N, C-alpha and C. Protein backbone atom coordinates (compact mmCIF):
# COMPACT_ATOMS: atom_id res chain seq x y z
N UNK A 1 -51.13 -32.94 86.75
CA UNK A 1 -50.18 -32.92 87.64
C UNK A 1 -49.34 -32.63 87.87
N UNK A 2 -49.68 -31.49 89.38
CA UNK A 2 -48.06 -31.20 89.20
C UNK A 2 -47.30 -32.33 90.37
N UNK A 3 -46.40 -31.91 90.65
CA UNK A 3 -45.19 -33.10 91.11
C UNK A 3 -44.86 -32.36 92.49
N UNK A 4 -44.88 -32.83 93.60
CA UNK A 4 -44.15 -32.56 95.06
C UNK A 4 -42.55 -33.33 94.88
N UNK A 5 -41.26 -32.62 95.73
CA UNK A 5 -40.55 -33.51 95.81
C UNK A 5 -40.62 -34.39 97.84
N UNK A 6 -41.98 -34.07 98.66
CA UNK A 6 -42.72 -35.30 98.96
C UNK A 6 -43.33 -36.89 98.16
N UNK A 7 -44.10 -36.07 96.95
CA UNK A 7 -44.01 -37.37 96.16
C UNK A 7 -43.36 -37.92 95.37
N UNK A 8 -42.05 -37.37 95.00
CA UNK A 8 -41.06 -37.95 95.32
C UNK A 8 -40.81 -39.24 95.67
N UNK A 9 -40.43 -38.80 96.27
CA UNK A 9 -39.85 -38.82 97.78
C UNK A 9 -40.18 -40.52 97.39
N UNK A 10 -41.37 -40.51 98.76
CA UNK A 10 -42.83 -41.81 98.23
C UNK A 10 -42.59 -42.57 96.85
N UNK A 11 -42.30 -42.13 96.66
CA UNK A 11 -42.08 -43.03 95.22
C UNK A 11 -41.12 -43.60 95.02
N UNK A 12 -40.12 -43.02 94.64
CA UNK A 12 -39.11 -43.82 95.09
C UNK A 12 -38.68 -44.06 96.00
N UNK A 13 -39.18 -44.23 97.69
CA UNK A 13 -38.90 -45.40 98.20
C UNK A 13 -40.08 -46.57 98.32
N UNK A 14 -40.75 -46.07 97.54
CA UNK A 14 -42.07 -47.50 96.86
C UNK A 14 -41.08 -48.05 96.25
N UNK A 15 -41.07 -48.04 95.04
CA UNK A 15 -40.10 -48.54 93.89
C UNK A 15 -38.59 -49.25 94.21
N UNK A 16 -37.98 -48.18 94.85
CA UNK A 16 -36.75 -48.98 95.56
C UNK A 16 -36.93 -49.67 97.05
N UNK A 17 -38.37 -50.71 97.72
CA UNK A 17 -39.02 -51.29 98.97
C UNK A 17 -38.03 -50.07 100.28
N UNK A 18 -38.15 -49.54 100.33
CA UNK A 18 -37.21 -48.57 101.54
C UNK A 18 -37.80 -48.20 102.27
N UNK A 19 -37.41 -49.20 103.56
CA UNK A 19 -38.74 -48.29 104.73
C UNK A 19 -38.83 -47.32 105.10
N UNK A 20 -39.74 -46.72 105.56
CA UNK A 20 -39.39 -45.34 106.33
C UNK A 20 -39.26 -45.25 107.12
N UNK A 21 -38.79 -46.28 108.68
CA UNK A 21 -37.21 -45.78 109.08
C UNK A 21 -36.20 -46.40 109.11
N UNK A 22 -36.03 -46.69 108.41
CA UNK A 22 -33.75 -46.70 107.86
C UNK A 22 -33.40 -45.81 108.03
N UNK A 23 -32.21 -46.25 108.37
CA UNK A 23 -31.43 -45.19 108.99
C UNK A 23 -30.36 -45.17 107.90
N UNK A 24 -30.87 -45.60 106.75
CA UNK A 24 -29.57 -45.38 106.01
C UNK A 24 -29.21 -43.70 104.55
N UNK A 25 -29.84 -43.02 103.97
CA UNK A 25 -30.49 -41.85 103.40
C UNK A 25 -31.52 -40.84 104.24
N UNK A 26 -31.25 -39.73 104.67
CA UNK A 26 -32.40 -39.01 105.31
C UNK A 26 -33.17 -38.17 103.89
N UNK A 27 -34.35 -37.70 103.64
CA UNK A 27 -34.59 -36.96 101.75
C UNK A 27 -33.89 -36.39 102.05
N UNK A 28 -33.19 -35.83 103.02
CA UNK A 28 -32.64 -34.17 102.20
C UNK A 28 -31.21 -35.41 100.92
N UNK A 29 -31.07 -36.14 101.21
CA UNK A 29 -29.59 -37.14 100.93
C UNK A 29 -30.67 -37.70 99.79
N UNK A 30 -31.46 -38.96 99.84
CA UNK A 30 -32.53 -38.59 98.33
C UNK A 30 -32.62 -37.77 97.48
N UNK A 31 -32.77 -36.63 98.01
CA UNK A 31 -33.46 -35.60 96.35
C UNK A 31 -31.80 -35.40 96.56
N UNK A 32 -30.98 -35.11 96.96
CA UNK A 32 -29.15 -35.18 96.17
C UNK A 32 -28.85 -35.75 95.26
N UNK A 33 -28.99 -37.10 95.60
CA UNK A 33 -28.60 -38.03 94.67
C UNK A 33 -29.38 -38.68 93.48
N UNK A 34 -30.61 -37.99 93.33
CA UNK A 34 -31.45 -37.81 92.80
C UNK A 34 -31.29 -36.00 91.62
N UNK A 35 -31.09 -35.29 92.30
CA UNK A 35 -31.22 -34.24 91.29
C UNK A 35 -29.69 -34.55 90.75
N UNK A 36 -28.31 -35.36 91.49
CA UNK A 36 -26.91 -35.43 90.79
C UNK A 36 -27.23 -36.07 89.45
N UNK A 37 -28.16 -37.66 90.01
CA UNK A 37 -28.83 -37.91 88.67
C UNK A 37 -28.94 -37.76 87.12
N UNK A 38 -30.51 -36.68 88.12
CA UNK A 38 -31.22 -35.81 86.65
C UNK A 38 -29.43 -34.94 86.68
N UNK A 39 -28.54 -33.62 86.78
CA UNK A 39 -27.85 -33.38 85.81
C UNK A 39 -26.82 -33.83 85.13
N UNK A 40 -25.96 -35.10 86.03
CA UNK A 40 -25.16 -35.03 85.46
C UNK A 40 -25.44 -36.71 84.60
N UNK A 41 -26.89 -37.18 84.49
CA UNK A 41 -27.20 -38.39 82.87
C UNK A 41 -28.43 -37.61 82.30
N UNK A 42 -29.68 -37.42 82.98
CA UNK A 42 -30.46 -36.59 82.18
C UNK A 42 -30.52 -35.82 81.32
N UNK A 43 -29.61 -35.00 82.24
CA UNK A 43 -29.88 -33.48 81.24
C UNK A 43 -28.92 -33.84 80.21
N UNK A 44 -27.33 -34.32 79.70
CA UNK A 44 -26.62 -34.55 78.91
C UNK A 44 -27.77 -34.52 78.03
N UNK A 45 -28.91 -35.94 78.12
CA UNK A 45 -28.93 -37.05 77.39
C UNK A 45 -29.83 -36.21 76.90
N UNK A 46 -31.14 -35.24 77.47
CA UNK A 46 -31.98 -34.41 77.21
C UNK A 46 -31.59 -33.57 76.11
N UNK A 47 -30.09 -32.80 75.50
CA UNK A 47 -29.40 -31.96 75.04
C UNK A 47 -29.28 -32.68 74.13
N UNK A 48 -28.54 -33.49 73.29
CA UNK A 48 -27.88 -34.73 73.01
C UNK A 48 -28.95 -35.04 71.92
N UNK A 49 -30.01 -35.01 72.68
CA UNK A 49 -31.22 -35.63 71.33
C UNK A 49 -32.14 -34.24 71.53
N UNK A 50 -32.47 -33.94 71.67
CA UNK A 50 -33.44 -32.56 71.36
C UNK A 50 -32.93 -30.87 71.97
N UNK A 51 -31.62 -30.25 70.96
CA UNK A 51 -30.87 -29.51 71.28
C UNK A 51 -31.68 -28.58 71.75
N UNK A 52 -31.97 -28.29 71.87
CA UNK A 52 -32.04 -27.39 71.85
C UNK A 52 -33.67 -26.62 73.33
N UNK A 53 -33.77 -27.35 73.83
CA UNK A 53 -34.77 -27.97 75.07
C UNK A 53 -34.76 -27.13 75.98
N UNK A 54 -33.29 -26.51 76.50
CA UNK A 54 -34.01 -26.02 77.63
C UNK A 54 -32.98 -23.76 77.46
N UNK A 55 -32.80 -24.55 76.20
CA UNK A 55 -32.54 -22.86 75.10
C UNK A 55 -33.39 -21.66 75.80
N UNK A 56 -33.01 -20.31 76.73
CA UNK A 56 -33.59 -19.97 76.45
C UNK A 56 -32.69 -18.23 76.86
N UNK A 57 -33.42 -17.08 76.50
CA UNK A 57 -32.59 -15.92 75.94
C UNK A 57 -32.38 -14.77 77.54
N UNK A 58 -32.05 -14.00 77.77
CA UNK A 58 -31.67 -13.26 78.32
C UNK A 58 -31.55 -11.15 78.07
N UNK A 59 -32.73 -10.15 77.73
CA UNK A 59 -32.28 -9.22 77.33
C UNK A 59 -31.52 -8.36 78.48
N UNK A 60 -30.79 -7.58 77.39
CA UNK A 60 -30.37 -6.35 78.14
C UNK A 60 -30.10 -5.85 77.27
N UNK A 61 -30.53 -4.22 78.28
CA UNK A 61 -30.43 -3.42 77.94
C UNK A 61 -29.08 -2.86 77.31
N UNK A 62 -28.66 -2.03 76.38
CA UNK A 62 -27.21 -1.67 76.19
C UNK A 62 -26.73 -0.26 76.76
N UNK A 63 -26.12 -0.26 77.77
CA UNK A 63 -26.09 2.23 78.50
C UNK A 63 -24.86 1.88 77.61
N UNK A 64 -24.21 3.65 77.11
CA UNK A 64 -22.88 3.75 77.02
C UNK A 64 -22.41 3.90 78.84
N UNK A 65 -20.97 3.52 78.59
CA UNK A 65 -20.08 3.83 79.35
C UNK A 65 -19.87 1.69 80.38
N UNK A 66 -21.23 1.00 79.89
CA UNK A 66 -21.42 0.18 80.33
C UNK A 66 -20.69 -1.45 79.51
N UNK A 67 -19.61 -2.13 79.09
CA UNK A 67 -18.79 -3.13 78.48
C UNK A 67 -18.92 -3.86 79.10
N UNK A 68 -19.18 -4.21 80.29
CA UNK A 68 -20.19 -5.72 80.68
C UNK A 68 -21.08 -6.01 81.74
N UNK A 69 -21.45 -6.80 80.81
CA UNK A 69 -23.12 -7.89 81.07
C UNK A 69 -22.68 -9.60 82.06
N UNK A 70 -23.44 -9.18 82.41
CA UNK A 70 -23.68 -10.71 83.26
C UNK A 70 -23.91 -11.37 82.89
N UNK A 71 -23.21 -13.18 82.35
CA UNK A 71 -24.26 -14.56 82.09
C UNK A 71 -25.06 -14.21 83.21
N UNK A 72 -26.20 -15.01 82.47
CA UNK A 72 -26.68 -15.06 83.60
C UNK A 72 -27.03 -16.78 84.17
N UNK A 73 -26.98 -16.31 86.26
CA UNK A 73 -26.92 -17.75 86.56
C UNK A 73 -27.25 -18.40 86.68
N UNK A 74 -28.41 -19.72 85.99
CA UNK A 74 -29.66 -20.32 85.82
C UNK A 74 -28.58 -21.29 83.86
N UNK A 75 -27.54 -20.46 83.93
CA UNK A 75 -27.41 -20.81 82.65
C UNK A 75 -26.23 -21.54 83.23
N UNK A 76 -26.22 -23.06 82.59
CA UNK A 76 -25.82 -24.50 82.87
C UNK A 76 -24.26 -24.17 82.79
N UNK A 77 -23.26 -24.70 83.50
CA UNK A 77 -22.00 -24.36 83.43
C UNK A 77 -21.65 -22.88 82.94
N UNK A 78 -22.27 -21.87 82.86
CA UNK A 78 -21.84 -20.35 82.82
C UNK A 78 -21.91 -20.38 81.01
N UNK A 79 -22.23 -21.43 80.28
CA UNK A 79 -22.56 -21.35 78.69
C UNK A 79 -22.86 -20.96 78.30
N UNK A 80 -22.57 -20.16 77.19
CA UNK A 80 -23.46 -19.43 76.50
C UNK A 80 -23.58 -20.27 75.19
N UNK A 81 -25.60 -20.35 74.76
CA UNK A 81 -25.18 -20.60 73.30
C UNK A 81 -24.74 -19.70 72.33
N UNK A 82 -25.57 -18.28 72.36
CA UNK A 82 -25.61 -17.29 71.17
C UNK A 82 -25.26 -16.51 72.04
N UNK A 83 -24.98 -14.95 71.04
CA UNK A 83 -25.08 -13.73 71.43
C UNK A 83 -26.03 -12.79 70.64
N UNK A 84 -26.77 -12.69 71.17
CA UNK A 84 -26.98 -11.24 68.84
C UNK A 84 -27.47 -10.00 69.71
N UNK A 85 -27.37 -9.11 68.21
CA UNK A 85 -28.34 -8.03 68.86
C UNK A 85 -28.93 -7.12 68.73
N UNK A 86 -29.84 -6.69 69.04
CA UNK A 86 -31.24 -6.96 68.70
C UNK A 86 -31.77 -5.16 68.31
N UNK A 87 -32.24 -4.85 67.41
CA UNK A 87 -32.69 -3.56 67.27
C UNK A 87 -34.56 -2.89 67.56
N UNK A 88 -34.54 -2.50 67.70
CA UNK A 88 -35.35 -2.02 68.08
C UNK A 88 -36.70 -2.37 67.28
N UNK A 89 -37.34 -2.71 66.15
CA UNK A 89 -37.58 -3.30 65.86
C UNK A 89 -37.93 -5.62 66.09
N UNK A 90 -36.37 -6.40 66.62
CA UNK A 90 -36.72 -7.29 67.28
C UNK A 90 -36.03 -7.75 66.48
N UNK A 91 -34.77 -7.80 65.02
CA UNK A 91 -34.36 -7.85 64.25
C UNK A 91 -33.43 -8.18 65.31
N UNK A 92 -32.39 -9.36 64.57
CA UNK A 92 -31.68 -9.89 65.79
C UNK A 92 -30.16 -10.25 65.09
N UNK A 93 -28.96 -10.17 65.58
CA UNK A 93 -27.92 -9.98 64.39
C UNK A 93 -26.78 -10.27 65.04
N UNK A 94 -26.26 -10.89 64.37
CA UNK A 94 -24.56 -11.53 64.72
C UNK A 94 -23.72 -10.36 65.75
N UNK A 95 -22.74 -11.49 66.06
CA UNK A 95 -21.72 -10.32 66.18
C UNK A 95 -20.66 -11.06 66.58
N UNK A 96 -19.41 -10.94 66.32
CA UNK A 96 -18.57 -11.57 66.12
C UNK A 96 -17.36 -11.37 67.57
N UNK A 97 -16.90 -12.52 68.20
CA UNK A 97 -17.08 -12.89 69.73
C UNK A 97 -15.52 -12.89 68.87
N UNK A 98 -14.82 -11.78 69.51
CA UNK A 98 -12.92 -11.32 69.40
C UNK A 98 -11.99 -12.14 70.51
N UNK A 99 -10.67 -13.07 70.51
CA UNK A 99 -10.67 -13.11 71.64
C UNK A 99 -9.40 -12.18 72.07
N UNK A 100 -10.22 -11.73 73.95
CA UNK A 100 -9.45 -10.76 74.63
C UNK A 100 -7.36 -10.38 74.31
N UNK A 101 -7.52 -11.07 73.81
CA UNK A 101 -6.11 -10.70 73.23
C UNK A 101 -6.00 -10.39 71.83
N UNK A 102 -7.13 -9.69 71.27
CA UNK A 102 -7.11 -9.00 69.90
C UNK A 102 -8.01 -8.51 69.98
N UNK A 103 -8.60 -8.05 71.05
CA UNK A 103 -9.42 -6.67 71.37
C UNK A 103 -9.03 -5.34 70.69
N UNK A 104 -7.70 -4.98 70.94
CA UNK A 104 -7.37 -3.73 70.36
C UNK A 104 -6.86 -3.46 68.72
N UNK A 105 -7.29 -4.50 68.36
CA UNK A 105 -7.07 -4.66 66.78
C UNK A 105 -8.11 -4.31 66.06
N UNK A 106 -9.48 -4.40 66.70
CA UNK A 106 -11.15 -4.48 66.35
C UNK A 106 -12.16 -3.78 66.82
N UNK A 107 -12.62 -2.85 66.08
CA UNK A 107 -13.83 -2.45 67.09
C UNK A 107 -15.57 -2.38 67.40
N UNK A 108 -15.82 -3.92 66.90
CA UNK A 108 -16.91 -4.50 66.83
C UNK A 108 -16.13 -5.65 67.25
N UNK A 109 -18.12 -5.70 68.25
CA UNK A 109 -17.56 -7.15 69.16
C UNK A 109 -17.82 -7.64 70.77
N UNK A 110 -17.47 -8.52 70.90
CA UNK A 110 -17.22 -9.08 71.77
C UNK A 110 -16.11 -10.51 73.28
N UNK A 111 -15.93 -10.17 73.45
CA UNK A 111 -15.32 -11.27 74.48
C UNK A 111 -15.50 -11.57 75.86
N UNK A 112 -15.05 -12.74 76.17
CA UNK A 112 -15.41 -12.73 77.22
C UNK A 112 -14.89 -13.10 78.74
N UNK A 113 -15.52 -13.12 79.72
CA UNK A 113 -14.17 -12.34 80.97
C UNK A 113 -14.49 -12.70 82.49
N UNK A 114 -14.23 -12.98 82.95
CA UNK A 114 -15.19 -12.95 83.92
C UNK A 114 -16.54 -13.58 83.97
N UNK A 115 -16.76 -14.01 83.41
CA UNK A 115 -18.71 -14.53 83.52
C UNK A 115 -19.04 -13.22 83.12
N UNK A 116 -18.46 -12.47 82.68
CA UNK A 116 -19.73 -11.46 82.05
C UNK A 116 -19.06 -11.66 80.18
N UNK A 117 -20.10 -11.47 79.71
CA UNK A 117 -19.75 -10.34 78.77
C UNK A 117 -19.56 -9.30 78.00
N UNK A 118 -18.00 -9.10 77.35
CA UNK A 118 -17.67 -7.63 77.65
C UNK A 118 -18.18 -7.24 76.06
N UNK A 119 -18.44 -5.86 75.88
CA UNK A 119 -18.26 -5.24 74.31
C UNK A 119 -17.58 -4.72 74.29
N UNK A 120 -17.27 -4.90 73.16
CA UNK A 120 -15.67 -4.35 72.17
C UNK A 120 -16.50 -2.38 72.42
N UNK A 121 -15.57 -0.48 73.17
CA UNK A 121 -15.92 0.02 72.61
C UNK A 121 -16.60 0.96 71.58
N UNK A 122 -17.65 0.88 71.66
CA UNK A 122 -18.37 1.17 70.17
C UNK A 122 -19.46 2.38 70.42
N UNK A 123 -19.68 2.96 69.86
CA UNK A 123 -21.52 4.39 70.42
C UNK A 123 -22.17 3.34 69.31
N UNK A 124 -22.50 2.57 68.03
CA UNK A 124 -23.16 1.78 66.97
C UNK A 124 -23.72 1.17 68.58
N UNK A 125 -24.23 0.86 69.00
CA UNK A 125 -24.47 -0.76 70.22
C UNK A 125 -25.59 0.45 71.05
N UNK A 126 -25.96 1.73 70.63
CA UNK A 126 -26.45 2.44 72.24
C UNK A 126 -28.33 1.89 71.22
N UNK A 127 -28.83 2.01 69.74
CA UNK A 127 -29.47 1.48 69.52
C UNK A 127 -29.90 0.59 69.12
N UNK A 128 -29.54 -0.24 69.64
CA UNK A 128 -29.58 -1.77 69.66
C UNK A 128 -29.35 -2.76 71.68
N UNK A 129 -30.36 -4.23 71.89
CA UNK A 129 -29.80 -4.21 73.27
C UNK A 129 -29.38 -5.80 72.69
N UNK A 130 -29.19 -6.57 73.59
CA UNK A 130 -27.98 -7.94 73.85
C UNK A 130 -28.47 -8.78 74.30
N UNK A 131 -28.70 -9.71 73.35
CA UNK A 131 -29.39 -10.93 73.88
C UNK A 131 -28.83 -12.02 73.48
N UNK A 132 -28.76 -12.69 75.26
CA UNK A 132 -27.64 -13.82 75.52
C UNK A 132 -28.49 -14.78 75.30
N UNK A 133 -28.64 -16.06 74.15
CA UNK A 133 -28.93 -16.98 74.55
C UNK A 133 -27.93 -18.59 75.66
N UNK A 134 -28.89 -18.93 76.27
CA UNK A 134 -27.94 -19.72 77.00
C UNK A 134 -28.77 -20.87 77.37
N UNK A 135 -28.51 -21.89 77.89
CA UNK A 135 -29.30 -23.37 78.80
C UNK A 135 -29.52 -23.42 79.76
N UNK A 136 -30.65 -23.61 79.70
CA UNK A 136 -31.13 -22.88 81.21
C UNK A 136 -31.72 -23.71 82.20
N UNK A 137 -30.96 -24.13 83.48
CA UNK A 137 -30.69 -24.98 84.30
C UNK A 137 -32.18 -25.02 85.35
């Protein structure tokens, strides 16, 4: 059964015995409080017990000359769980993370900068796609 915010607000007001005509909280304020509670307490608890529950991935086609790929906007805190190269058969391979100050010493890998995954200049990426795993909010 699908729930709506109207049904949720009705149940919260019933559980908390909040009169329908009370001036203390608007429906928007109650929803904001519930969202804060969800993000602050429930999501971390779920992630602690079911670590992979919110994990999803997004694939990017690696284009010649493009070195930066945006971290998905729905990533919790802009945090990535993992980054993989994917070949045409769908097989994943690890990609090393390089500290930005050491990029001149390496020719394979990635680093993070300004909410983007930056690939080191390398023509070997053209037969692959980039898969970003992240915790979806």
